[in-house]
Amino acid sequence: MILNFIFGYLLVGFILSLFMNATLWAFHKPILSISESIATIILWPTVMVSFLNSYYGYTDADND
């Protein structure tokens, strides 16, 4: 059961990393380095929240 969760979690991160690299490559930007790709695979929920916050312009209300 836990192995299914770990496999699914890492699979989602891997797919997100591939998507990000393909998007960066399409816009002629530098693709993610190895360490950035590994961080994206392992920390993909944080990457998604950070991306959505920057896309929609949310800021941390505690810092105001």
PDB file of N, CA and C in Angstrom:
ATOM      1  N   MET A   1       0.827  -1.190   0.000  1.00  0.00           N
ATOM      2  CA  MET A   1       0.000   0.000   0.000  1.00  0.00           C
ATOM      3  C   MET A   1       0.873   1.257   0.000  1.00  0.00           C
ATOM      4  N   ILE A   2       1.847   1.302   0.883  1.00  0.00           N
ATOM      5  CA  ILE A   2       2.704   2.479   0.945  1.00  0.00           C
ATOM      6  C   ILE A   2       3.584   2.575  -0.297  1.00  0.00           C
ATOM      7  N   LEU A   3       3.969   1.416  -0.853  1.00  0.00           N
ATOM      8  CA  LEU A   3       4.776   1.442  -2.078  1.00  0.00           C
ATOM      9  C   LEU A   3       3.982   2.015  -3.248  1.00  0.00           C
ATOM     10  N   ASN A   4       2.678   1.735  -3.286  1.00  0.00           N
ATOM     11  CA  ASN A   4       1.833   2.319  -4.330  1.00  0.00           C
ATOM     12  C   ASN A   4       1.788   3.841  -4.203  1.00  0.00           C
ATOM     13  N   PHE A   5       1.687   4.318  -2.967  1.00  0.00           N
ATOM     14  CA  PHE A   5       1.668   5.762  -2.744  1.00  0.00           C
ATOM     15  C   PHE A   5       2.993   6.393  -3.167  1.00  0.00           C
ATOM     16  N   ILE A   6       4.101   5.800  -2.760  1.00  0.00           N
ATOM     17  CA  ILE A   6       5.422   6.340  -3.108  1.00  0.00           C
ATOM     18  C   ILE A   6       5.612   6.325  -4.620  1.00  0.00           C
ATOM     19  N   PHE A   7       5.240   5.221  -5.261  1.00  0.00           N
ATOM     20  CA  PHE A   7       5.365   5.127  -6.712  1.00  0.00           C
ATOM     21  C   PHE A   7       4.507   6.186  -7.409  1.00  0.00           C
ATOM     22  N   GLY A   8       3.278   6.358  -6.962  1.00  0.00           N
ATOM     23  CA  GLY A   8       2.393   7.364  -7.557  1.00  0.00           C
ATOM     24  C   GLY A   8       2.901   8.779  -7.329  1.00  0.00           C
ATOM     25  N   TYR A   9       3.379   9.040  -6.128  1.00  0.00           N
ATOM     26  CA  TYR A   9       3.917  10.361  -5.784  1.00  0.00           C
ATOM     27  C   TYR A   9       5.106  10.712  -6.679  1.00  0.00           C
ATOM     28  N   LEU A  10       6.051   9.773  -6.805  1.00  0.00           N
ATOM     29  CA  LEU A  10       7.230  10.019  -7.637  1.00  0.00           C
ATOM     30  C   LEU A  10       6.873  10.079  -9.122  1.00  0.00           C
ATOM     31  N   LEU A  11       5.878   9.322  -9.538  1.00  0.00           N
ATOM     32  CA  LEU A  11       5.439   9.359 -10.938  1.00  0.00           C
ATOM     33  C   LEU A  11       4.840  10.719 -11.288  1.00  0.00           C
ATOM     34  N   VAL A  12       4.028  11.257 -10.408  1.00  0.00           N
ATOM     35  CA  VAL A  12       3.465  12.593 -10.642  1.00  0.00           C
ATOM     36  C   VAL A  12       4.583  13.629 -10.719  1.00  0.00           C
ATOM     37  N   GLY A  13       5.549  13.539  -9.812  1.00  0.00           N
ATOM     38  CA  GLY A  13       6.682  14.457  -9.841  1.00  0.00           C
ATOM     39  C   GLY A  13       7.505  14.328 -11.112  1.00  0.00           C
ATOM     40  N   PHE A  14       7.713  13.108 -11.572  1.00  0.00           N
ATOM     41  CA  PHE A  14       8.472  12.882 -12.797  1.00  0.00           C
ATOM     42  C   PHE A  14       7.746  13.464 -14.002  1.00  0.00           C
ATOM     43  N   ILE A  15       6.445  13.261 -14.064  1.00  0.00           N
ATOM     44  CA  ILE A  15       5.657  13.813 -15.173  1.00  0.00           C
ATOM     45  C   ILE A  15       5.683  15.340 -15.134  1.00  0.00           C
ATOM     46  N   LEU A  16       5.571  15.927 -13.951  1.00  0.00           N
ATOM     47  CA  LEU A  16       5.650  17.382 -13.815  1.00  0.00           C
ATOM     48  C   LEU A  16       7.011  17.895 -14.261  1.00  0.00           C
ATOM     49  N   SER A  17       8.070  17.190 -13.883  1.00  0.00           N
ATOM     50  CA  SER A  17       9.416  17.588 -14.279  1.00  0.00           C
ATOM     51  C   SER A  17       9.574  17.537 -15.801  1.00  0.00           C
ATOM     52  N   LEU A  18       9.072  16.475 -16.416  1.00  0.00           N
ATOM     53  CA  LEU A  18       9.134  16.375 -17.877  1.00  0.00           C
ATOM     54  C   LEU A  18       8.344  17.499 -18.540  1.00  0.00           C
ATOM     55  N   PHE A  19       7.163  17.790 -18.009  1.00  0.00           N
ATOM     56  CA  PHE A  19       6.335  18.866 -18.556  1.00  0.00           C
ATOM     57  C   PHE A  19       7.047  20.215 -18.447  1.00  0.00           C
ATOM     58  N   MET A  20       7.664  20.469 -17.285  1.00  0.00           N
ATOM     59  CA  MET A  20       8.370  21.736 -17.098  1.00  0.00           C
ATOM     60  C   MET A  20       9.560  21.842 -18.050  1.00  0.00           C
ATOM     61  N   ASN A  21      10.311  20.754 -18.217  1.00  0.00           N
ATOM     62  CA  ASN A  21      11.443  20.772 -19.133  1.00  0.00           C
ATOM     63  C   ASN A  21      10.993  20.979 -20.575  1.00  0.00           C
ATOM     64  N   ALA A  22       9.904  20.331 -20.969  1.00  0.00           N
ATOM     65  CA  ALA A  22       9.386  20.503 -22.328  1.00  0.00           C
ATOM     66  C   ALA A  22       8.903  21.926 -22.557  1.00  0.00           C
ATOM     67  N   THR A  23       8.253  22.505 -21.564  1.00  0.00           N
ATOM     68  CA  THR A  23       7.784  23.884 -21.690  1.00  0.00           C
ATOM     69  C   THR A  23       8.954  24.858 -21.792  1.00  0.00           C
ATOM     70  N   LEU A  24       9.944  24.675 -20.947  1.00  0.00           N
ATOM     71  CA  LEU A  24      11.124  25.548 -21.005  1.00  0.00           C
ATOM     72  C   LEU A  24      11.848  25.388 -22.332  1.00  0.00           C
ATOM     73  N   TRP A  25      11.972  24.161 -22.821  1.00  0.00           N
ATOM     74  CA  TRP A  25      12.642  23.915 -24.091  1.00  0.00           C
ATOM     75  C   TRP A  25      11.870  24.574 -25.239  1.00  0.00           C
ATOM     76  N   ALA A  26      10.537  24.528 -25.181  1.00  0.00           N
ATOM     77  CA  ALA A  26       9.708  25.111 -26.240  1.00  0.00           C
ATOM     78  C   ALA A  26       9.863  26.630 -26.299  1.00  0.00           C
ATOM     79  N   PHE A  27      10.109  27.257 -25.173  1.00  0.00           N
ATOM     80  CA  PHE A  27      10.274  28.709 -25.137  1.00  0.00           C
ATOM     81  C   PHE A  27      11.738  29.134 -25.199  1.00  0.00           C
ATOM     82  N   HIS A  28      12.615  28.196 -25.572  1.00  0.00           N
ATOM     83  CA  HIS A  28      14.048  28.460 -25.742  1.00  0.00           C
ATOM     84  C   HIS A  28      14.681  29.023 -24.475  1.00  0.00           C
ATOM     85  N   LYS A  29      14.291  28.475 -23.337  1.00  0.00           N
ATOM     86  CA  LYS A  29      14.872  28.838 -22.045  1.00  0.00           C
ATOM     87  C   LYS A  29      15.760  27.675 -21.596  1.00  0.00           C
ATOM     88  N   PRO A  30      16.672  27.936 -20.672  1.00  0.00           N
ATOM     89  CA  PRO A  30      17.481  26.817 -20.158  1.00  0.00           C
ATOM     90  C   PRO A  30      16.603  25.812 -19.417  1.00  0.00           C
ATOM     91  N   ILE A  31      16.797  24.526 -19.717  1.00  0.00           N
ATOM     92  CA  ILE A  31      15.994  23.508 -19.045  1.00  0.00           C
ATOM     93  C   ILE A  31      16.510  23.304 -17.633  1.00  0.00           C
ATOM     94  N   LEU A  32      15.751  22.560 -16.830  1.00  0.00           N
ATOM     95  CA  LEU A  32      16.113  22.327 -15.438  1.00  0.00           C
ATOM     96  C   LEU A  32      17.399  21.509 -15.352  1.00  0.00           C
ATOM     97  N   SER A  33      18.239  21.866 -14.390  1.00  0.00           N
ATOM     98  CA  SER A  33      19.442  21.073 -14.156  1.00  0.00           C
ATOM     99  C   SER A  33      19.043  19.770 -13.470  1.00  0.00           C
ATOM    100  N   ILE A  34      20.013  18.885 -13.280  1.00  0.00           N
ATOM    101  CA  ILE A  34      19.730  17.600 -12.637  1.00  0.00           C
ATOM    102  C   ILE A  34      19.195  17.806 -11.221  1.00  0.00           C
ATOM    103  N   SER A  35      19.836  18.691 -10.455  1.00  0.00           N
ATOM    104  CA  SER A  35      19.384  18.903  -9.079  1.00  0.00           C
ATOM    105  C   SER A  35      18.000  19.555  -9.041  1.00  0.00           C
ATOM    106  N   GLU A  36      17.706  20.449  -9.979  1.00  0.00           N
ATOM    107  CA  GLU A  36      16.380  21.061 -10.048  1.00  0.00           C
ATOM    108  C   GLU A  36      15.327  20.031 -10.446  1.00  0.00           C
ATOM    109  N   SER A  37      15.679  19.128 -11.345  1.00  0.00           N
ATOM    110  CA  SER A  37      14.744  18.074 -11.740  1.00  0.00           C
ATOM    111  C   SER A  37      14.450  17.140 -10.577  1.00  0.00           C
ATOM    112  N   ILE A  38      15.476  16.765  -9.822  1.00  0.00           N
ATOM    113  CA  ILE A  38      15.279  15.896  -8.668  1.00  0.00           C
ATOM    114  C   ILE A  38      14.420  16.598  -7.620  1.00  0.00           C
ATOM    115  N   ALA A  39      14.683  17.886  -7.394  1.00  0.00           N
ATOM    116  CA  ALA A  39      13.881  18.645  -6.437  1.00  0.00           C
ATOM    117  C   ALA A  39      12.430  18.734  -6.895  1.00  0.00           C
ATOM    118  N   THR A  40      12.206  18.895  -8.189  1.00  0.00           N
ATOM    119  CA  THR A  40      10.848  18.948  -8.720  1.00  0.00           C
ATOM    120  C   THR A  40      10.139  17.613  -8.525  1.00  0.00           C
ATOM    121  N   ILE A  41      10.860  16.516  -8.736  1.00  0.00           N
ATOM    122  CA  ILE A  41      10.257  15.194  -8.579  1.00  0.00           C
ATOM    123  C   ILE A  41       9.892  14.935  -7.119  1.00  0.00           C
ATOM    124  N   ILE A  42      10.773  15.297  -6.195  1.00  0.00           N
ATOM    125  CA  ILE A  42      10.535  15.001  -4.785  1.00  0.00           C
ATOM    126  C   ILE A  42       9.600  16.019  -4.140  1.00  0.00           C
ATOM    127  N   LEU A  43       9.738  17.280  -4.491  1.00  0.00           N
ATOM    128  CA  LEU A  43       8.973  18.347  -3.839  1.00  0.00           C
ATOM    129  C   LEU A  43       7.880  18.914  -4.743  1.00  0.00           C
ATOM    130  N   TRP A  44       7.260  18.090  -5.581  1.00  0.00           N
ATOM    131  CA  TRP A  44       6.319  18.609  -6.571  1.00  0.00           C
ATOM    132  C   TRP A  44       5.119  19.336  -5.972  1.00  0.00           C
ATOM    133  N   PRO A  45       4.604  18.999  -4.797  1.00  0.00           N
ATOM    134  CA  PRO A  45       3.490  19.807  -4.271  1.00  0.00           C
ATOM    135  C   PRO A  45       3.914  21.256  -3.996  1.00  0.00           C
ATOM    136  N   THR A  46       5.116  21.440  -3.480  1.00  0.00           N
ATOM    137  CA  THR A  46       5.625  22.786  -3.221  1.00  0.00           C
ATOM    138  C   THR A  46       5.843  23.541  -4.521  1.00  0.00           C
ATOM    139  N   VAL A  47       6.330  22.845  -5.541  1.00  0.00           N
ATOM    140  CA  VAL A  47       6.543  23.475  -6.849  1.00  0.00           C
ATOM    141  C   VAL A  47       5.212  23.942  -7.432  1.00  0.00           C
ATOM    142  N   MET A  48       4.184  23.105  -7.322  1.00  0.00           N
ATOM    143  CA  MET A  48       2.873  23.476  -7.855  1.00  0.00           C
ATOM    144  C   MET A  48       2.282  24.676  -7.114  1.00  0.00           C
ATOM    145  N   VAL A  49       2.374  24.701  -5.788  1.00  0.00           N
ATOM    146  CA  VAL A  49       1.843  25.820  -5.014  1.00  0.00           C
ATOM    147  C   VAL A  49       2.596  27.092  -5.348  1.00  0.00           C
ATOM    148  N   SER A  50       3.915  27.016  -5.454  1.00  0.00           N
ATOM    149  CA  SER A  50       4.718  28.187  -5.787  1.00  0.00           C
ATOM    150  C   SER A  50       4.371  28.715  -7.180  1.00  0.00           C
ATOM    151  N   PHE A  51       4.200  27.781  -8.140  1.00  0.00           N
ATOM    152  CA  PHE A  51       3.846  28.191  -9.493  1.00  0.00           C
ATOM    153  C   PHE A  51       2.480  28.865  -9.520  1.00  0.00           C
ATOM    154  N   LEU A  52       1.502  28.270  -8.847  1.00  0.00           N
ATOM    155  CA  LEU A  52       0.159  28.849  -8.839  1.00  0.00           C
ATOM    156  C   LEU A  52       0.132  30.198  -8.131  1.00  0.00           C
ATOM    157  N   ASN A  53       0.878  30.329  -7.050  1.00  0.00           N
ATOM    158  CA  ASN A  53       0.934  31.607  -6.350  1.00  0.00           C
ATOM    159  C   ASN A  53       1.575  32.688  -7.214  1.00  0.00           C
ATOM    160  N   SER A  54       2.623  32.359  -7.930  1.00  0.00           N
ATOM    161  CA  SER A  54       3.251  33.369  -8.785  1.00  0.00           C
ATOM    162  C   SER A  54       2.392  33.658 -10.009  1.00  0.00           C
ATOM    163  N   TYR A  55       1.679  32.651 -10.518  1.00  0.00           N
ATOM    164  CA  TYR A  55       0.830  32.851 -11.693  1.00  0.00           C
ATOM    165  C   TYR A  55      -0.363  33.739 -11.376  1.00  0.00           C
ATOM    166  N   TYR A  56      -0.983  33.520 -10.233  1.00  0.00           N
ATOM    167  CA  TYR A  56      -2.169  34.290  -9.862  1.00  0.00           C
ATOM    168  C   TYR A  56      -1.847  35.513  -9.025  1.00  0.00           C
ATOM    169  N   GLY A  57      -0.585  35.706  -8.661  1.00  0.00           N
ATOM    170  CA  GLY A  57      -0.171  36.912  -7.951  1.00  0.00           C
ATOM    171  C   GLY A  57      -0.498  36.930  -6.480  1.00  0.00           C
ATOM    172  N   TYR A  58      -0.675  35.751  -5.872  1.00  0.00           N
ATOM    173  CA  TYR A  58      -0.944  35.714  -4.432  1.00  0.00           C
ATOM    174  C   TYR A  58       0.318  36.035  -3.665  1.00  0.00           C
ATOM    175  N   THR A  59       0.140  36.701  -2.540  1.00  0.00           N
ATOM    176  CA  THR A  59       1.261  36.981  -1.656  1.00  0.00           C
ATOM    177  C   THR A  59       0.939  36.432  -0.271  1.00  0.00           C
ATOM    178  N   ASP A  60       1.945  36.324   0.551  1.00  0.00           N
ATOM    179  CA  ASP A  60       1.766  35.817   1.907  1.00  0.00           C
ATOM    180  C   ASP A  60       1.132  36.919   2.746  1.00  0.00           C
ATOM    181  N   ALA A  61      -0.038  36.667   3.291  1.00  0.00           N
ATOM    182  CA  ALA A  61      -0.766  37.670   4.060  1.00  0.00           C
ATOM    183  C   ALA A  61      -0.063  37.983   5.390  1.00  0.00           C
ATOM    184  N   ASP A  62       0.747  37.061   5.889  1.00  0.00           N
ATOM    185  CA  ASP A  62       1.435  37.284   7.161  1.00  0.00           C
ATOM    186  C   ASP A  62       2.539  38.321   7.046  1.00  0.00           C
ATOM    187  N   ASN A  63       3.051  38.553   5.863  1.00  0.00           N
ATOM    188  CA  ASN A  63       4.153  39.507   5.679  1.00  0.00           C
ATOM    189  C   ASN A  63       3.690  40.916   5.400  1.00  0.00           C
ATOM    190  N   ASP A  64       2.388  41.138   5.358  1.00  0.00           N
ATOM    191  CA  ASP A  64       1.876  42.494   5.058  1.00  0.00           C
ATOM    192  C   ASP A  64       1.840  43.365   6.274  1.00  0.00           C
TER     193      ASP A  64
END
